[in-house]
Structure formats: structure tokens, C-alpha cells
Amino acid sequence: MGALPVFRWRLAPDGYATRRQLRARGLRPGGQAVAAELQRPRRRRGPLVAYLYRVDLAKPVRPMTPARRAALAKANRARRLCPACRRDAGYVIPASLGMCTPCALPEPSPSLRSA
């Protein structure tokens, strides 16, 4: 197999799309291999690369089933649960903290503030 065709940023021909562009059209790559690359040059580093897929070989996005919807809701709920205090934080807990903000950054006690 030869090298992939490379196009400059914003100059890809019709019939190619990135994963995000396919998703916006309600499509998915559907197991096809990367068909081409987009490259955006940068000054001091290597180029930014985006992979392109053929639109004519793309398949429709699979519909969301009740079981998949429930599994996704359960996973998102788990991302909001603080492992330290076991409460729902109401937001996705940042990986950098590993726990909710009140547990990670507790307020100093009043006796320490006056000292």
C-alpha cells in the first residue's frame, strides 16, 4: 500500500471528511481505513495533522438504544461522584484534583485564620 494523499489545510477535495464532519452529517467511518491527510504547517513544530475518510464509504451512526443511554448516564454519574466524601459534586470531577473542590481545597478552620 502506498502513502496517503496529503492536502493542505482547508484544501481537501469534496468527498473527504474528518470524523467530526462525518458525525455532524450523522455518519461514522464504519471500519474504513484513513483515506487521506490534511496538514497545517506550524512554525517551530511539525504540522498539525487531521485524518480524512471517504464520505461515500461512511455508514450511518448507530441509533442510541435504551440500554446504551442507561449505560452512558451511569458512567456520567460516576464521573461526578467524589471518592472522598461520596457525594454528587454536580459537575465532572477534574482528573487533576481527583476529588470535588471542597475536599481537595478545604477552607482553613476559623482558629487558624485568626492566628
Protein backbone atom coordinates (compact mmCIF):
# COMPACT_ATOMS: atom_id res chain seq x y z
CA MET A 1 0.00 0.00 0.00
CA GLY A 2 1.32 3.44 -0.93
CA ALA A 3 1.48 6.63 1.05
CA LEU A 4 -1.67 8.54 1.84
CA PRO A 5 -2.54 11.61 -0.24
CA VAL A 6 -1.73 14.79 1.69
CA PHE A 7 -3.73 18.01 1.31
CA ARG A 8 -3.02 21.44 2.74
CA TRP A 9 -5.34 22.75 5.44
CA ARG A 10 -8.80 23.72 4.09
CA LEU A 11 -7.94 22.44 0.59
CA ALA A 12 -9.29 18.89 0.72
CA PRO A 13 -11.45 17.91 -2.26
CA ASP A 14 -15.13 17.11 -1.91
CA GLY A 15 -15.88 13.56 -0.84
CA TYR A 16 -13.49 13.56 2.14
CA ALA A 17 -14.37 14.45 5.73
CA THR A 18 -12.89 14.27 9.22
CA ARG A 19 -14.56 12.23 11.98
CA ARG A 20 -16.20 15.36 13.35
CA GLN A 21 -17.50 16.37 9.94
CA LEU A 22 -18.88 12.88 9.41
CA ARG A 23 -20.58 12.97 12.81
CA ALA A 24 -22.17 16.34 12.00
CA ARG A 25 -23.73 14.65 8.96
CA GLY A 26 -24.94 11.71 11.05
CA LEU A 27 -22.25 9.37 9.71
CA ARG A 28 -19.31 7.34 11.06
CA PRO A 29 -16.21 5.93 9.32
CA GLY A 30 -17.65 2.42 9.61
CA GLY A 31 -14.38 0.49 9.69
CA GLN A 32 -12.80 2.08 6.62
CA ALA A 33 -9.13 2.98 6.69
CA VAL A 34 -7.89 6.56 6.66
CA ALA A 35 -8.12 7.78 3.05
CA ALA A 36 -6.03 10.98 3.20
CA GLU A 37 -4.40 13.53 5.49
CA LEU A 38 -4.80 17.24 5.98
CA GLN A 39 -1.67 19.03 7.14
CA ARG A 40 -1.49 22.51 8.59
CA PRO A 41 2.08 23.82 8.77
CA ARG A 42 3.37 25.36 12.01
CA ARG A 43 6.47 27.47 12.54
CA ARG A 44 8.58 25.65 15.11
CA ARG A 45 6.94 22.24 15.28
CA GLY A 46 5.70 19.55 12.99
CA PRO A 47 2.45 20.13 11.10
CA LEU A 48 -0.98 19.60 12.62
CA VAL A 49 -2.49 16.52 11.01
CA ALA A 50 -6.15 15.63 10.52
CA TYR A 51 -7.20 12.29 9.06
CA LEU A 52 -9.81 12.19 6.32
CA TYR A 53 -12.30 9.45 5.47
CA ARG A 54 -14.32 8.94 2.31
CA VAL A 55 -17.90 10.14 2.69
CA ASP A 56 -19.26 7.62 0.16
CA LEU A 57 -17.98 4.69 2.28
CA ALA A 58 -19.23 6.12 5.59
CA LYS A 59 -22.10 4.42 7.39
CA PRO A 60 -24.95 5.94 9.40
CA VAL A 61 -24.43 6.43 13.13
CA ARG A 62 -25.91 3.61 15.16
CA PRO A 63 -29.09 4.68 16.99
CA MET A 64 -29.00 5.21 20.76
CA THR A 65 -30.75 2.28 22.43
CA PRO A 66 -32.29 2.49 25.91
CA ALA A 67 -29.54 0.22 27.28
CA ARG A 68 -26.77 2.40 25.79
CA ARG A 69 -28.47 5.53 27.11
CA ALA A 70 -28.66 4.00 30.62
CA ALA A 71 -25.00 2.92 30.50
CA LEU A 72 -23.93 6.40 29.40
CA ALA A 73 -25.96 8.02 32.19
CA LYS A 74 -24.39 5.66 34.74
CA ALA A 75 -20.86 6.44 33.51
CA ASN A 76 -21.51 10.20 33.64
CA ARG A 77 -22.96 9.88 37.15
CA ALA A 78 -19.80 8.04 38.26
CA ARG A 79 -17.64 10.90 36.93
CA ARG A 80 -19.50 13.33 39.22
CA LEU A 81 -19.22 11.19 42.38
CA CYS A 82 -16.44 12.31 44.75
CA PRO A 83 -14.39 9.34 46.00
CA ALA A 84 -13.52 11.16 49.25
CA CYS A 85 -16.95 12.33 50.50
CA ARG A 86 -19.13 10.06 48.26
CA ARG A 87 -21.38 12.99 47.28
CA ASP A 88 -22.54 14.01 43.80
CA ALA A 89 -20.48 17.13 43.06
CA GLY A 90 -22.92 18.36 40.40
CA TYR A 91 -20.07 18.61 37.88
CA VAL A 92 -17.49 16.27 36.37
CA ILE A 93 -14.65 15.97 38.88
CA PRO A 94 -11.36 17.15 37.36
CA ALA A 95 -8.75 14.41 36.97
CA SER A 96 -6.10 16.85 38.20
CA LEU A 97 -7.80 17.03 41.62
CA GLY A 98 -9.22 13.51 41.80
CA MET A 99 -11.97 14.70 44.16
CA CYS A 100 -14.51 17.50 44.46
CA THR A 101 -13.22 21.03 45.08
CA PRO A 102 -14.32 21.25 48.74
CA CYS A 103 -12.44 18.00 49.53
CA ALA A 104 -9.36 18.96 47.50
CA LEU A 105 -9.17 22.57 48.71
CA PRO A 106 -10.73 22.70 52.19
CA GLU A 107 -11.33 26.04 53.85
CA PRO A 108 -8.91 26.73 56.70
CA SER A 109 -10.52 26.40 60.13
CA PRO A 110 -11.56 29.64 61.92
CA SER A 111 -8.96 29.10 64.69
CA LEU A 112 -6.14 29.03 62.12
CA ARG A 113 -7.34 32.21 60.35
CA SER A 114 -7.06 34.45 63.44
CA ALA A 115 -3.56 33.23 64.33
